Amino acid sequence: MIQGSDSATRSLDALIERFHSGERLRVWSFVITVFGDAIVPRGGMVGMAALQELTDRMRIAPGALRAALSRLAKDGWVERQRHGRKSYYRLTPESAATFARAARRIYAAGPPAWNGRWTIAIAPEETASVRDARTADLTERGFVRLSNGLFIHPRTGTGETTPEDPGDLFVLDADAATVPDWVLSACSDVETDIAYSVLGATIAPLEDTLAEGGTLSPLDAMVARALLIHEWRRVLLRDADLPAALRPADWSGEETRTLVAGLYGRILAPSERWLDGCDGRPDGPLPPPERDLRRRFT
């Protein structure tokens, strides 16, 4: 039976409700997702009016969006350009590079291969704030923290495993005779597995509805796309980038990746139609997307 658009809209509303159900509403983080996922492949700049249209649909107050953009500009994540009474924003080169590094994991078609070797990164003794920042940075790059100052990453032969600037890290390329269970447990956190499962259960109704013929308007498709990648990257980037051989047999991550990839493929075209007509640039619409956009998750 073909579901109507009302069913797809209700499924989208459930995603929006999930966004609002967290302890803190991270509007600034959602804005970064929109830029990295949708705006950077189309020239990198977008108007405030377009961002406002998206966030209005998400029940985000205009003041919250303005505060988020102000914070992002102050922290060096975005740049603003004024054209008459209108404002246009783009990611700074540094923040665009940060998202690009993460994108290699976000849009991967599956887990990495493994050549059996490990990268080991050892940090010096640090204050708590420096240690937390170091842990966050290396975790985003796919490292696993075994203890304070000790991080490991399976060598995959693809993508980046060694930090670009190791600084005072002591970095080793090593082999291991065995991988004990406690290391495997550290690599695959139970709470992360649950987060994958919950995300999969949340997006499955929308994927099922669209698979059966349901539709979303271009605006709703863009909102769904942004929310999908926002929630996916939040779970994925706190997880280690591990090959299947180092995962438990019942790990939820790959099943959820399949759902994310399928849903992304269904909403990509209508979301791009919204981008075609949004307040893109001061001198006209957004340029066509880069070719790599169609190769995401493949």
Protein backbone atom coordinates (compact mmCIF):
# COMPACT_ATOMS: atom_id res chain seq x y z
CA MET A 1 0.00 0.00 0.00
CA ILE A 2 1.36 3.43 -0.94
CA GLN A 3 1.56 5.80 2.01
CA GLY A 4 0.63 9.44 1.51
CA SER A 5 2.73 12.47 2.18
CA ASP A 6 0.99 12.93 5.56
CA SER A 7 2.69 9.77 6.82
CA ALA A 8 6.10 11.01 5.66
CA THR A 9 5.46 14.36 7.34
CA ARG A 10 4.58 12.66 10.62
CA SER A 11 7.79 10.64 10.43
CA LEU A 12 9.76 13.85 9.84
CA ASP A 13 8.02 15.47 12.80
CA ALA A 14 9.29 12.58 14.94
CA LEU A 15 12.85 13.41 13.87
CA ILE A 16 12.29 17.07 14.73
CA GLU A 17 10.92 16.05 18.11
CA ARG A 18 14.04 13.94 18.70
CA PHE A 19 16.18 17.01 18.00
CA HIS A 20 14.26 18.99 20.63
CA SER A 21 14.30 16.20 23.21
CA GLY A 22 17.96 16.50 24.15
CA GLU A 23 19.17 18.15 27.30
CA ARG A 24 20.46 21.16 25.38
CA LEU A 25 19.35 22.43 21.98
CA ARG A 26 22.60 22.71 20.02
CA VAL A 27 21.44 24.97 17.20
CA TRP A 28 25.03 25.93 16.39
CA SER A 29 25.93 22.26 15.81
CA PHE A 30 22.93 21.78 13.52
CA VAL A 31 23.99 24.85 11.50
CA ILE A 32 27.46 23.36 11.02
CA THR A 33 25.83 20.17 9.73
CA VAL A 34 23.77 22.14 7.21
CA PHE A 35 26.85 23.92 5.91
CA GLY A 36 29.08 20.87 5.72
CA ASP A 37 26.49 18.53 4.24
CA ALA A 38 24.56 20.79 1.87
CA ILE A 39 26.13 24.24 1.40
CA VAL A 40 29.82 23.45 0.95
CA PRO A 41 29.14 21.18 -2.08
CA ARG A 42 27.26 24.12 -3.67
CA GLY A 43 29.80 26.91 -3.36
CA GLY A 44 29.88 27.31 0.40
CA MET A 45 27.74 30.43 0.90
CA VAL A 46 24.07 30.75 1.85
CA GLY A 47 21.76 33.54 2.93
CA MET A 48 20.35 34.07 6.40
CA ALA A 49 16.85 33.86 4.92
CA ALA A 50 17.48 30.28 3.75
CA LEU A 51 18.81 29.22 7.16
CA GLN A 52 15.80 30.87 8.77
CA GLU A 53 13.41 28.93 6.55
CA LEU A 54 15.01 25.65 7.61
CA THR A 55 15.05 26.46 11.29
CA ASP A 56 11.48 27.80 11.23
CA ARG A 57 10.34 24.38 10.00
CA MET A 58 12.26 22.85 12.87
CA ARG A 59 10.52 25.05 15.46
CA ILE A 60 13.75 26.88 16.29
CA ALA A 61 13.15 30.48 17.34
CA PRO A 62 14.74 33.18 15.14
CA GLY A 63 16.64 34.48 18.15
CA ALA A 64 18.20 31.07 18.73
CA LEU A 65 19.47 30.98 15.14
CA ARG A 66 20.92 34.50 15.41
CA ALA A 67 22.61 33.59 18.68
CA ALA A 68 24.05 30.42 17.14
CA LEU A 69 25.46 32.27 14.13
CA SER A 70 26.90 34.96 16.39
CA ARG A 71 28.61 32.32 18.48
CA LEU A 72 29.94 30.51 15.41
CA ALA A 73 31.32 33.76 14.00
CA LYS A 74 32.95 34.67 17.32
CA ASP A 75 34.54 31.23 17.58
CA GLY A 76 35.88 31.35 14.01
CA TRP A 77 33.55 28.74 12.50
CA VAL A 78 31.68 31.00 10.04
CA GLU A 79 32.23 34.27 8.23
CA ARG A 80 29.48 36.81 7.52
CA GLN A 81 29.11 39.06 4.50
CA ARG A 82 26.62 41.91 4.32
CA HIS A 83 24.91 42.81 1.04
CA GLY A 84 22.49 45.63 1.61
CA ARG A 85 20.12 44.55 4.33
CA LYS A 86 20.83 40.86 3.80
CA SER A 87 23.43 38.67 5.50
CA TYR A 88 25.22 35.71 3.93
CA TYR A 89 27.37 33.14 5.68
CA ARG A 90 30.07 30.61 4.81
CA LEU A 91 32.31 28.29 6.81
CA THR A 92 35.81 29.55 7.45
CA PRO A 93 38.52 27.56 5.63
CA GLU A 94 39.57 25.95 8.92
CA SER A 95 36.08 24.77 9.83
CA ALA A 96 35.44 23.57 6.27
CA ALA A 97 38.61 21.48 6.52
CA THR A 98 37.44 20.07 9.86
CA PHE A 99 34.13 18.95 8.37
CA ALA A 100 35.90 17.55 5.31
CA ARG A 101 38.00 15.29 7.54
CA ALA A 102 34.89 14.09 9.32
CA ALA A 103 33.07 13.60 6.01
CA ARG A 104 35.36 10.72 5.08
CA ARG A 105 33.75 8.79 7.91
CA ILE A 106 30.25 10.28 7.76
CA TYR A 107 29.64 9.27 4.13
CA ALA A 108 31.67 6.04 4.04
CA ALA A 109 29.93 3.09 2.40
CA GLY A 110 30.96 0.68 5.14
CA PRO A 111 33.56 -0.06 7.79
CA PRO A 112 37.21 0.21 6.83
CA ALA A 113 39.36 -2.73 5.84
CA TRP A 114 42.15 -3.71 8.22
CA ASN A 115 45.71 -4.74 7.54
CA GLY A 116 46.22 -6.13 11.07
CA ARG A 117 48.43 -3.30 12.31
CA TRP A 118 47.76 -0.47 14.77
CA THR A 119 48.64 3.17 15.19
CA ILE A 120 49.45 3.91 18.84
CA ALA A 121 49.46 7.52 20.06
CA ILE A 122 50.84 8.35 23.51
CA ALA A 123 50.31 11.79 25.02
CA PRO A 124 52.31 13.41 27.84
CA GLU A 125 50.77 14.16 31.23
CA GLU A 126 48.24 16.96 30.75
CA THR A 127 45.78 19.07 32.68
CA ALA A 128 42.16 17.88 32.61
CA SER A 129 41.03 20.51 30.08
CA VAL A 130 43.89 19.78 27.66
CA ARG A 131 43.39 16.04 28.09
CA ASP A 132 39.66 16.34 27.33
CA ALA A 133 40.35 18.39 24.19
CA ARG A 134 42.98 15.89 23.05
CA THR A 135 40.61 12.98 23.63
CA ALA A 136 37.80 14.68 21.70
CA ASP A 137 40.09 15.43 18.75
CA LEU A 138 41.54 11.92 18.51
CA THR A 139 38.14 10.28 19.02
CA GLU A 140 36.77 12.28 16.11
CA ARG A 141 39.65 10.92 14.04
CA GLY A 142 38.66 7.37 14.99
CA PHE A 143 41.10 6.64 17.80
CA VAL A 144 40.12 4.60 20.86
CA ARG A 145 41.19 5.79 24.30
CA LEU A 146 42.52 2.89 26.36
CA SER A 147 43.62 5.01 29.33
CA ASN A 148 44.72 8.57 30.06
CA GLY A 149 47.10 9.55 27.30
CA LEU A 150 46.99 6.22 25.45
CA PHE A 151 45.10 5.90 22.15
CA ILE A 152 44.97 3.20 19.47
CA HIS A 153 43.65 3.02 15.92
CA PRO A 154 43.60 0.00 13.57
CA ARG A 155 45.61 0.68 10.42
CA THR A 156 43.20 0.56 7.51
CA GLY A 157 45.30 1.75 4.61
CA THR A 158 42.59 4.26 3.66
CA GLY A 159 41.90 7.68 5.10
CA GLU A 160 43.76 9.40 7.88
CA THR A 161 44.80 7.54 11.02
CA THR A 162 47.96 9.40 12.09
CA PRO A 163 47.25 12.95 13.31
CA GLU A 164 48.23 15.53 10.68
CA ASP A 165 50.29 17.42 13.25
CA PRO A 166 51.33 14.95 15.97
CA GLY A 167 52.88 17.74 18.05
CA ASP A 168 54.05 16.20 21.32
CA LEU A 169 52.30 12.87 20.70
CA PHE A 170 54.53 9.79 20.56
CA VAL A 171 53.12 7.91 17.53
CA LEU A 172 53.97 4.27 16.77
CA ASP A 173 53.06 1.86 13.98
CA ALA A 174 52.81 -1.57 15.60
CA ASP A 175 51.57 -5.13 15.28
CA ALA A 176 49.81 -7.11 18.02
CA ALA A 177 50.13 -10.82 18.64
CA THR A 178 46.63 -10.92 20.14
CA VAL A 179 43.79 -8.50 20.77
CA PRO A 180 42.41 -9.23 24.26
CA ASP A 181 38.72 -8.94 25.05
CA TRP A 182 39.20 -5.86 27.21
CA VAL A 183 40.59 -3.98 24.20
CA LEU A 184 37.64 -5.08 22.05
CA SER A 185 35.30 -3.92 24.81
CA ALA A 186 37.01 -0.53 24.89
CA CYS A 187 36.66 -0.26 21.11
CA SER A 188 32.92 -0.96 21.00
CA ASP A 189 31.11 0.97 23.70
CA VAL A 190 27.73 -0.44 24.76
CA GLU A 191 26.13 3.00 25.00
CA THR A 192 27.25 3.82 21.46
CA ASP A 193 25.73 0.56 20.23
CA ILE A 194 22.44 1.54 21.88
CA ALA A 195 22.64 5.01 20.31
CA TYR A 196 23.01 3.42 16.85
CA SER A 197 20.02 1.20 17.53
CA VAL A 198 17.85 4.09 18.74
CA LEU A 199 18.76 6.20 15.72
CA GLY A 200 17.93 3.32 13.38
CA ALA A 201 14.54 2.85 15.03
CA THR A 202 13.87 6.60 14.73
CA ILE A 203 14.59 6.91 11.01
CA ALA A 204 13.16 3.56 9.90
CA PRO A 205 9.51 4.81 9.72
CA LEU A 206 10.46 7.63 7.34
CA GLU A 207 12.59 5.30 5.21
CA ASP A 208 9.73 2.77 5.06
CA THR A 209 7.16 5.45 4.16
CA LEU A 210 9.29 6.85 1.33
CA ALA A 211 10.10 3.35 0.08
CA GLU A 212 6.35 2.70 -0.22
CA GLY A 213 5.76 5.85 -2.27
CA GLY A 214 5.40 8.59 0.32
CA THR A 215 6.77 12.02 -0.53
CA LEU A 216 8.23 15.07 1.19
CA SER A 217 8.18 18.65 -0.03
CA PRO A 218 11.59 20.05 -1.04
CA LEU A 219 11.79 22.01 2.23
CA ASP A 220 10.87 18.99 4.34
CA ALA A 221 13.34 16.84 2.41
CA MET A 222 16.10 19.35 3.18
CA VAL A 223 15.14 19.41 6.86
CA ALA A 224 15.08 15.60 6.95
CA ARG A 225 18.47 15.41 5.25
CA ALA A 226 20.06 17.88 7.65
CA LEU A 227 18.58 16.14 10.70
CA LEU A 228 19.59 12.72 9.41
CA ILE A 229 23.25 13.68 8.95
CA HIS A 230 23.26 15.71 12.17
CA GLU A 231 22.09 12.74 14.24
CA TRP A 232 24.24 10.25 12.32
CA ARG A 233 27.45 12.23 12.76
CA ARG A 234 26.74 12.81 16.46
CA VAL A 235 26.75 9.05 17.05
CA LEU A 236 29.35 8.08 14.46
CA LEU A 237 32.04 10.56 15.46
CA ARG A 238 32.01 9.48 19.09
CA ASP A 239 32.58 5.89 17.93
CA ALA A 240 35.85 4.31 16.86
CA ASP A 241 36.38 3.80 13.13
CA LEU A 242 36.80 0.05 13.32
CA PRO A 243 36.85 -2.81 10.80
CA ALA A 244 34.13 -5.43 11.09
CA ALA A 245 36.63 -7.97 12.43
CA LEU A 246 36.94 -5.95 15.66
CA ARG A 247 33.19 -5.57 16.24
CA PRO A 248 30.79 -7.78 18.21
CA ALA A 249 28.60 -9.98 16.02
CA ASP A 250 25.45 -8.07 17.01
CA TRP A 251 26.88 -4.55 16.57
CA SER A 252 24.14 -2.12 15.44
CA GLY A 253 26.34 0.37 13.62
CA GLU A 254 26.32 -1.19 10.16
CA GLU A 255 22.58 -1.86 10.13
CA THR A 256 22.01 1.80 11.00
CA ARG A 257 24.50 2.92 8.35
CA THR A 258 22.48 1.00 5.75
CA LEU A 259 19.29 2.78 6.87
CA VAL A 260 21.01 6.19 6.85
CA ALA A 261 22.42 5.60 3.37
CA GLY A 262 19.07 4.43 2.00
CA LEU A 263 17.14 7.36 3.44
CA TYR A 264 19.79 9.85 2.32
CA GLY A 265 19.52 8.57 -1.22
CA ARG A 266 15.73 8.99 -1.22
CA ILE A 267 15.71 12.57 0.04
CA LEU A 268 18.79 13.87 -1.80
CA ALA A 269 17.04 14.89 -5.04
CA PRO A 270 14.09 16.76 -3.48
CA SER A 271 16.39 18.45 -0.96
CA GLU A 272 18.58 19.66 -3.84
CA ARG A 273 15.48 21.20 -5.42
CA TRP A 274 15.02 23.27 -2.29
CA LEU A 275 18.65 24.37 -2.49
CA ASP A 276 18.10 25.33 -6.14
CA GLY A 277 15.50 27.91 -5.13
CA CYS A 278 16.68 29.12 -1.72
CA ASP A 279 18.31 32.49 -0.96
CA GLY A 280 21.71 31.20 -1.92
CA ARG A 281 24.09 33.98 -2.94
CA PRO A 282 23.93 37.75 -3.29
CA ASP A 283 24.31 37.49 -7.06
CA GLY A 284 21.91 34.61 -7.70
CA PRO A 285 21.08 31.00 -6.83
CA LEU A 286 23.51 28.46 -5.51
CA PRO A 287 25.76 26.87 -8.13
CA PRO A 288 25.18 23.21 -9.08
CA PRO A 289 26.49 20.64 -6.59
CA GLU A 290 29.91 19.04 -6.86
CA ARG A 291 30.02 15.62 -8.54
CA ASP A 292 31.19 13.96 -5.33
CA LEU A 293 27.78 14.61 -3.77
CA ARG A 294 26.23 11.70 -5.67
CA ARG A 295 28.97 9.36 -4.53
CA ARG A 296 28.24 9.69 -0.83
CA PHE A 297 27.64 6.34 0.91
CA THR A 298 28.77 4.49 -2.24
